[in-house]
Amino acid sequence: MLASEPGRNLKGAAKLEAIREFAGGDDFEYLGDTTADMPIWQAAAKRGFVNAPGPAQALHAAEPDRTSLHVEDRKPAFGQLLKAMRPHQWAKNGLVMLPLLFSHSYGDPAAVMAAFAAFLIFSLCASAVYLINDMVDIDADRAHAKKRFRPFAAGRLAPVTGVMAAVGLFTFAILAAFLAVGTLFGLVLLAYIALTTAYSFFLKQRATIDVVLLAMLFTIRIIAGAAAIGVELTPWLLNFALFFFLSLAYMKRYIEISRSAATGKVPSRDYSPEDLGTVQAFGIANGTASLLMLALYLNSQTASEQYASPTLLWLSFPVMVFWIYRAWMGASRGLIDDDPVVYVLKDRTSLMAVGIVLTIVIGARYIAFGGIAP
């Protein structure tokens, strides 16, 4: 009861003092699950242990007669760690493959191997970031309807395990980036780590800059893919990516705000229900700007020089218009759950749209009107 009172987040000795004050000097029974509860367990007349740490287990073994409850139902740490690493989110790192596609280097085995290595390295690095994010957001996740089931928030995975795993993943990813792929790719990875660390600890709680940084974190994956295979990105792709991912970042915040409208505040975010319309407007505007960038590219000399049938590329435009406005319509109707990128990976229509666009891009490269391009 004490821990749930507004404005009170007590631990250890401070929590013990508050309990004693609440109990008025009488004996009390305490149920806990963390090392911070040790002084309270030691002072309690009766103790309850739920997935208790080692020192608490020793306390239970030494004085079992004072134990009123002893529950051990935690799942194996490795399985929980793997879940916290979110391998299902690795598909986002497929963005590092885009430079391979748009530079049409997929016929070069060395470039394909470098791009695949970049994908794996970014995936391990991203998993380390997820671990850090979940440890930083434990309190906010516990107040969330779905995120409270995440391993750290649910108490099924100890933060010390997460810290060790994150350090190990970061170390391996950085070494592999420099040694197995190249110096430029390693430097881009370090920039990604710096940006995502700033986002996790500081900037995710600052309105507007958080969505800008989210868009940059997606775009930097594309830059990393170009660095891995040694190609130069066109301004067209970078401009499109920034506007497109800004739209998705605003969509993510729009969903969070709309889901939190009943409470009046988005947990650990600098947004309120009054921002819902503004965030939606910015998101749709950036989606429209990405379509404008795509249209300008389709009319550019660059497209004419790179594709055998640049006119064929125009078929991708209505597909992108359809997907962007369909996604925003789905978000406004509450049909997208938290993360728009995860929605893309699960939504059959979105996957079909991605497949159609990829087919058009490759077809326009090699199929000239009247025959196959050399």
Protein backbone atom coordinates (compact mmCIF):
# COMPACT_ATOMS: atom_id res chain seq x y z
CA MET A 1 0.00 0.00 0.00
CA LEU A 2 2.79 2.39 0.90
CA ALA A 3 4.60 1.93 -2.39
CA SER A 4 1.42 2.69 -4.34
CA GLU A 5 0.63 5.98 -2.62
CA PRO A 6 1.01 9.02 -4.93
CA GLY A 7 4.47 10.57 -4.82
CA ARG A 8 6.05 7.71 -2.82
CA ASN A 9 8.59 5.35 -4.34
CA LEU A 10 10.29 3.94 -1.26
CA LYS A 11 13.00 1.30 -1.05
CA GLY A 12 15.17 -0.36 1.57
CA ALA A 13 15.63 1.40 4.90
CA ALA A 14 13.37 4.32 3.95
CA LYS A 15 10.56 1.92 3.12
CA LEU A 16 11.14 0.03 6.40
CA GLU A 17 10.84 3.27 8.37
CA ALA A 18 7.57 4.12 6.59
CA ILE A 19 6.20 0.62 7.29
CA ARG A 20 7.09 0.86 10.98
CA GLU A 21 5.39 4.25 11.16
CA PHE A 22 2.33 2.82 9.41
CA ALA A 23 2.24 -0.25 11.71
CA GLY A 24 2.56 1.90 14.83
CA GLY A 25 5.25 -0.27 16.36
CA ASP A 26 3.33 -3.54 15.94
CA ASP A 27 4.68 -6.63 14.26
CA PHE A 28 4.15 -6.75 10.52
CA GLU A 29 4.32 -9.22 7.65
CA TYR A 30 6.13 -8.29 4.44
CA LEU A 31 6.04 -9.77 0.95
CA GLY A 32 8.90 -8.82 -1.39
CA ASP A 33 10.99 -9.90 -4.36
CA THR A 34 14.19 -7.82 -4.61
CA THR A 35 17.50 -7.35 -2.79
CA ALA A 36 16.34 -3.87 -1.73
CA ASP A 37 13.77 -5.61 0.50
CA MET A 38 16.44 -7.27 2.69
CA PRO A 39 16.25 -4.83 5.65
CA ILE A 40 12.44 -5.10 5.63
CA TRP A 41 12.52 -8.92 5.57
CA GLN A 42 15.00 -8.90 8.46
CA ALA A 43 12.70 -6.71 10.58
CA ALA A 44 9.42 -8.43 9.65
CA ALA A 45 7.73 -10.88 12.01
CA LYS A 46 6.57 -12.89 9.01
CA ARG A 47 8.14 -12.91 5.57
CA GLY A 48 6.93 -13.68 2.10
CA PHE A 49 9.39 -14.39 -0.73
CA VAL A 50 8.49 -14.27 -4.43
CA ASN A 51 11.33 -15.25 -6.76
CA ALA A 52 13.66 -13.87 -4.12
CA PRO A 53 17.39 -13.21 -4.76
CA GLY A 54 20.19 -15.28 -3.19
CA PRO A 55 20.55 -13.40 0.14
CA ALA A 56 16.81 -13.66 0.73
CA GLN A 57 16.88 -17.38 -0.03
CA ALA A 58 19.58 -17.73 2.65
CA LEU A 59 17.38 -15.79 5.08
CA HIS A 60 14.49 -18.14 4.36
CA ALA A 61 16.70 -21.20 4.86
CA ALA A 62 18.08 -19.90 8.18
CA GLU A 63 14.67 -19.11 9.71
CA PRO A 64 12.00 -21.03 7.81
CA ASP A 65 9.50 -20.67 10.67
CA ARG A 66 9.20 -16.93 9.91
CA THR A 67 8.35 -17.57 6.24
CA SER A 68 4.64 -17.25 5.46
CA LEU A 69 4.96 -17.54 1.68
CA HIS A 70 7.70 -18.84 -0.60
CA VAL A 71 7.03 -18.74 -4.34
CA GLU A 72 9.51 -19.75 -7.06
CA ASP A 73 7.96 -19.64 -10.52
CA ARG A 74 10.44 -17.69 -12.61
CA LYS A 75 11.30 -19.07 -16.00
CA PRO A 76 14.88 -19.89 -17.13
CA ALA A 77 16.96 -16.72 -17.39
CA PHE A 78 18.23 -17.49 -20.91
CA GLY A 79 14.71 -17.71 -22.33
CA GLN A 80 13.74 -14.46 -20.63
CA LEU A 81 16.93 -12.79 -21.85
CA LEU A 82 16.24 -13.90 -25.41
CA LYS A 83 12.71 -12.51 -25.15
CA ALA A 84 14.05 -9.18 -23.83
CA MET A 85 16.48 -9.04 -26.77
CA ARG A 86 13.45 -9.02 -29.09
CA PRO A 87 14.81 -10.98 -32.06
CA HIS A 88 11.46 -10.44 -33.81
CA GLN A 89 12.46 -6.77 -34.08
CA TRP A 90 15.62 -7.59 -36.03
CA ALA A 91 13.63 -7.24 -39.23
CA LYS A 92 13.94 -3.47 -38.75
CA ASN A 93 17.65 -3.85 -39.44
CA GLY A 94 16.81 -5.04 -42.92
CA LEU A 95 17.14 -1.33 -43.72
CA VAL A 96 20.90 -1.87 -43.97
CA MET A 97 20.14 -3.91 -47.10
CA LEU A 98 18.51 -1.00 -48.95
CA PRO A 99 21.80 0.43 -50.31
CA LEU A 100 22.55 -3.05 -51.68
CA LEU A 101 19.19 -3.01 -53.45
CA PHE A 102 19.21 0.54 -54.79
CA SER A 103 22.86 0.44 -55.88
CA HIS A 104 22.00 -2.87 -57.61
CA SER A 105 25.03 -4.53 -56.03
CA TYR A 106 23.16 -7.74 -55.18
CA GLY A 107 25.04 -9.54 -57.94
CA ASP A 108 28.34 -8.99 -56.10
CA PRO A 109 28.93 -11.83 -53.56
CA ALA A 110 31.36 -9.71 -51.51
CA ALA A 111 28.81 -6.90 -51.21
CA VAL A 112 26.06 -9.35 -50.24
CA MET A 113 28.28 -10.89 -47.53
CA ALA A 114 29.21 -7.45 -46.18
CA ALA A 115 25.56 -6.36 -46.10
CA PHE A 116 24.53 -9.56 -44.34
CA ALA A 117 27.30 -9.11 -41.75
CA ALA A 118 26.15 -5.52 -41.21
CA PHE A 119 22.62 -6.80 -40.65
CA LEU A 120 23.74 -9.29 -37.99
CA ILE A 121 25.94 -6.75 -36.23
CA PHE A 122 23.21 -4.13 -36.14
CA SER A 123 20.76 -6.73 -34.86
CA LEU A 124 23.00 -7.65 -31.91
CA CYS A 125 23.60 -3.98 -31.20
CA ALA A 126 19.87 -3.25 -31.37
CA SER A 127 19.20 -6.08 -28.90
CA ALA A 128 21.62 -4.47 -26.46
CA VAL A 129 19.70 -1.22 -26.90
CA TYR A 130 16.38 -2.98 -26.18
CA LEU A 131 17.84 -4.39 -22.96
CA ILE A 132 18.95 -0.93 -21.83
CA ASN A 133 15.63 0.65 -22.81
CA ASP A 134 13.66 -1.93 -20.84
CA MET A 135 15.83 -1.48 -17.74
CA VAL A 136 15.51 2.31 -17.92
CA ASP A 137 11.74 2.07 -18.48
CA ILE A 138 10.90 -0.52 -15.80
CA ASP A 139 8.60 1.80 -13.84
CA ALA A 140 6.85 3.16 -16.95
CA ASP A 141 6.46 -0.35 -18.42
CA ARG A 142 4.85 -1.60 -15.21
CA ALA A 143 2.16 1.06 -15.66
CA HIS A 144 1.54 0.00 -19.28
CA ALA A 145 -1.22 -2.48 -20.13
CA LYS A 146 1.03 -4.69 -22.30
CA LYS A 147 4.61 -3.67 -21.58
CA ARG A 148 4.21 -4.76 -17.94
CA PHE A 149 4.68 -8.32 -19.14
CA ARG A 150 8.20 -7.63 -20.43
CA PRO A 151 10.85 -9.68 -18.54
CA PHE A 152 12.36 -6.79 -16.56
CA ALA A 153 9.04 -5.10 -15.74
CA ALA A 154 7.51 -8.42 -14.70
CA GLY A 155 10.49 -9.24 -12.46
CA ARG A 156 11.40 -12.39 -14.40
CA LEU A 157 14.83 -11.08 -15.39
CA ALA A 158 17.30 -9.39 -13.06
CA PRO A 159 18.74 -6.02 -14.19
CA VAL A 160 22.27 -7.24 -13.46
CA THR A 161 21.78 -9.96 -16.07
CA GLY A 162 20.57 -7.36 -18.55
CA VAL A 163 23.57 -5.10 -17.91
CA MET A 164 26.05 -7.94 -18.44
CA ALA A 165 24.30 -9.07 -21.62
CA ALA A 166 24.10 -5.53 -23.02
CA VAL A 167 27.80 -4.89 -22.38
CA GLY A 168 28.71 -8.19 -24.02
CA LEU A 169 26.55 -7.55 -27.07
CA PHE A 170 27.86 -4.00 -27.51
CA THR A 171 31.47 -5.17 -27.22
CA PHE A 172 31.07 -8.00 -29.71
CA ALA A 173 29.16 -5.82 -32.18
CA ILE A 174 31.75 -3.02 -32.12
CA LEU A 175 34.71 -5.38 -32.53
CA ALA A 176 32.96 -7.25 -35.36
CA ALA A 177 32.03 -3.97 -37.07
CA PHE A 178 35.61 -2.73 -37.26
CA LEU A 179 37.34 -6.06 -37.84
CA ALA A 180 34.87 -7.93 -40.05
CA VAL A 181 33.23 -5.14 -42.06
CA GLY A 182 35.31 -1.96 -42.04
CA THR A 183 36.33 1.21 -40.27
CA LEU A 184 33.66 3.45 -41.79
CA PHE A 185 30.91 1.00 -40.88
CA GLY A 186 32.34 0.75 -37.35
CA LEU A 187 32.25 4.54 -36.98
CA VAL A 188 28.62 4.66 -38.15
CA LEU A 189 27.77 1.95 -35.62
CA LEU A 190 29.41 3.99 -32.85
CA ALA A 191 27.34 7.00 -33.92
CA TYR A 192 24.21 4.83 -33.74
CA ILE A 193 25.13 3.66 -30.24
CA ALA A 194 25.76 7.25 -29.10
CA LEU A 195 22.44 8.47 -30.51
CA THR A 196 20.42 5.59 -29.13
CA THR A 197 22.05 5.97 -25.70
CA ALA A 198 21.16 9.66 -25.66
CA TYR A 199 17.62 8.73 -26.69
CA SER A 200 17.25 6.04 -23.99
CA PHE A 201 18.53 8.11 -21.08
CA PHE A 202 17.56 11.69 -21.94
CA LEU A 203 15.88 12.60 -25.20
CA LYS A 204 12.98 10.12 -25.30
CA GLN A 205 11.34 12.25 -22.62
CA ARG A 206 11.57 15.45 -24.70
CA ALA A 207 8.69 16.11 -27.07
CA THR A 208 9.54 16.58 -30.77
CA ILE A 209 13.25 15.87 -30.45
CA ASP A 210 12.34 12.29 -29.58
CA VAL A 211 10.60 11.69 -32.93
CA VAL A 212 13.41 13.42 -34.84
CA LEU A 213 15.94 11.15 -33.17
CA LEU A 214 13.81 8.06 -33.83
CA ALA A 215 13.75 8.96 -37.53
CA MET A 216 17.52 9.45 -37.48
CA LEU A 217 18.04 6.06 -35.83
CA PHE A 218 16.17 4.38 -38.69
CA THR A 219 17.94 6.43 -41.35
CA ILE A 220 21.37 5.73 -39.89
CA ARG A 221 20.78 2.04 -40.58
CA ILE A 222 20.61 2.88 -44.28
CA ILE A 223 23.80 4.94 -43.98
CA ALA A 224 25.47 1.98 -42.25
CA GLY A 225 24.44 -0.32 -45.08
CA ALA A 226 26.04 2.01 -47.61
CA ALA A 227 29.23 2.18 -45.52
CA ALA A 228 29.35 -1.61 -45.29
CA ILE A 229 29.36 -2.17 -49.06
CA GLY A 230 31.24 1.02 -49.98
CA VAL A 231 28.61 2.85 -52.03
CA GLU A 232 27.49 6.47 -51.90
CA LEU A 233 23.90 7.23 -50.99
CA THR A 234 21.87 9.58 -53.16
CA PRO A 235 20.27 12.62 -51.50
CA TRP A 236 16.95 11.33 -52.83
CA LEU A 237 17.04 8.19 -50.70
CA LEU A 238 18.18 10.06 -47.60
CA ASN A 239 15.51 12.74 -47.97
CA PHE A 240 12.79 10.18 -48.53
CA ALA A 241 13.96 8.09 -45.56
CA LEU A 242 14.04 11.03 -43.15
CA PHE A 243 10.51 12.20 -44.01
CA PHE A 244 9.13 8.66 -44.13
CA PHE A 245 10.55 7.65 -40.76
CA LEU A 246 9.52 10.95 -39.21
CA SER A 247 5.99 10.04 -40.23
CA LEU A 248 6.30 6.60 -38.59
CA ALA A 249 7.85 8.10 -35.45
CA TYR A 250 4.96 10.54 -35.12
CA MET A 251 2.58 7.65 -35.72
CA LYS A 252 4.16 5.75 -32.83
CA ARG A 253 3.66 8.73 -30.52
CA TYR A 254 0.13 9.27 -31.84
CA ILE A 255 -0.77 5.70 -30.89
CA GLU A 256 0.78 6.08 -27.43
CA ILE A 257 -1.05 9.35 -26.78
CA SER A 258 -4.41 8.00 -27.95
CA ARG A 259 -3.99 4.89 -25.78
CA SER A 260 -3.12 7.02 -22.73
CA ALA A 261 -5.91 9.58 -23.18
CA ALA A 262 -7.83 8.15 -20.22
CA THR A 263 -4.95 8.75 -17.78
CA GLY A 264 -4.17 12.25 -19.07
CA LYS A 265 -0.43 11.60 -19.56
CA VAL A 266 1.80 9.34 -21.62
CA PRO A 267 4.13 7.44 -19.22
CA SER A 268 7.76 8.71 -19.41
CA ARG A 269 6.92 10.91 -22.43
CA ASP A 270 6.51 14.69 -22.65
CA TYR A 271 3.10 14.49 -24.32
CA SER A 272 -0.49 15.02 -23.21
CA PRO A 273 -3.87 14.24 -24.82
CA GLU A 274 -4.04 17.83 -26.10
CA ASP A 275 -1.12 17.03 -28.43
CA LEU A 276 -2.97 14.27 -30.27
CA GLY A 277 -4.20 16.39 -33.20
CA THR A 278 -0.86 18.18 -33.59
CA VAL A 279 1.11 14.93 -33.62
CA GLN A 280 -1.27 13.44 -36.17
CA ALA A 281 -0.95 16.50 -38.42
CA PHE A 282 2.86 16.45 -38.27
CA GLY A 283 2.90 12.73 -38.99
CA ILE A 284 0.65 12.94 -42.05
CA ALA A 285 2.55 16.02 -43.30
CA ASN A 286 5.87 14.18 -43.12
CA GLY A 287 4.36 11.17 -44.86
CA THR A 288 3.19 13.48 -47.65
CA ALA A 289 6.66 15.06 -47.84
CA SER A 290 8.20 11.61 -48.32
CA LEU A 291 5.82 11.02 -51.24
CA LEU A 292 6.87 14.37 -52.72
CA MET A 293 10.53 13.31 -52.48
CA LEU A 294 9.67 10.05 -54.23
CA ALA A 295 7.83 11.87 -57.02
CA LEU A 296 10.74 14.28 -57.55
CA TYR A 297 13.17 11.35 -57.70
CA LEU A 298 11.05 9.54 -60.29
CA ASN A 299 11.35 12.63 -62.51
CA SER A 300 15.08 13.06 -61.89
CA GLN A 301 18.07 12.47 -64.13
CA THR A 302 19.41 10.05 -61.53
CA ALA A 303 16.47 7.68 -62.02
CA SER A 304 16.79 7.93 -65.81
CA GLU A 305 20.47 6.95 -65.63
CA GLN A 306 20.09 4.04 -63.21
CA TYR A 307 17.07 2.24 -64.66
CA ALA A 308 16.36 0.68 -68.01
CA SER A 309 12.69 1.68 -67.68
CA PRO A 310 12.44 4.62 -65.27
CA THR A 311 8.81 5.13 -66.28
CA LEU A 312 8.03 1.72 -64.79
CA LEU A 313 9.12 3.06 -61.39
CA TRP A 314 6.02 5.26 -61.34
CA LEU A 315 4.00 2.15 -60.53
CA SER A 316 5.56 2.23 -57.07
CA PHE A 317 4.12 5.68 -56.34
CA PRO A 318 0.43 4.73 -55.94
CA VAL A 319 1.49 1.75 -53.82
CA MET A 320 3.36 4.06 -51.43
CA VAL A 321 0.46 6.55 -51.37
CA PHE A 322 -1.90 3.71 -50.54
CA TRP A 323 0.29 2.32 -47.76
CA ILE A 324 1.09 5.61 -45.99
CA TYR A 325 -2.50 6.84 -45.84
CA ARG A 326 -3.85 3.37 -45.05
CA ALA A 327 -1.41 3.14 -42.10
CA TRP A 328 -2.50 6.53 -40.76
CA MET A 329 -6.14 5.57 -41.17
CA GLY A 330 -5.43 2.38 -39.22
CA ALA A 331 -3.66 4.33 -36.48
CA SER A 332 -6.59 6.76 -36.15
CA ARG A 333 -8.97 3.81 -35.82
CA GLY A 334 -6.84 2.13 -33.14
CA LEU A 335 -5.90 -0.80 -35.38
CA ILE A 336 -2.10 -0.46 -35.04
CA ASP A 337 -0.59 -1.75 -31.83
CA ASP A 338 2.16 0.55 -30.48
CA ASP A 339 4.87 0.11 -33.13
CA PRO A 340 4.11 0.82 -36.82
CA VAL A 341 7.19 -1.13 -37.96
CA VAL A 342 5.99 -4.25 -36.14
CA TYR A 343 2.60 -3.66 -37.75
CA VAL A 344 4.23 -3.73 -41.20
CA LEU A 345 5.88 -7.06 -40.41
CA LYS A 346 2.60 -8.63 -39.30
CA ASP A 347 0.14 -7.05 -41.71
CA ARG A 348 -0.39 -9.09 -44.87
CA THR A 349 -1.40 -6.08 -46.97
CA SER A 350 1.73 -4.17 -45.91
CA LEU A 351 3.96 -7.13 -46.78
CA MET A 352 2.29 -7.38 -50.17
CA ALA A 353 2.93 -3.67 -50.74
CA VAL A 354 6.62 -4.11 -49.87
CA GLY A 355 6.87 -7.08 -52.25
CA ILE A 356 5.22 -5.15 -55.08
CA VAL A 357 7.57 -2.18 -54.67
CA LEU A 358 10.66 -4.42 -54.61
CA THR A 359 9.45 -6.22 -57.74
CA ILE A 360 8.89 -2.89 -59.53
CA VAL A 361 12.35 -1.58 -58.58
CA ILE A 362 14.15 -4.70 -59.80
CA GLY A 363 11.97 -4.95 -62.90
CA ALA A 364 12.59 -1.31 -63.85
CA ARG A 365 16.32 -1.91 -63.55
CA TYR A 366 16.48 -4.81 -66.00
CA ILE A 367 13.36 -4.73 -68.15
CA ALA A 368 13.47 -2.18 -70.95
CA PHE A 369 10.47 -1.66 -73.17
CA GLY A 370 11.10 -3.98 -76.06
CA GLY A 371 13.52 -6.33 -74.29
CA ILE A 372 15.80 -7.09 -71.38
CA ALA A 373 18.45 -4.52 -70.52
CA PRO A 374 22.05 -5.74 -70.70
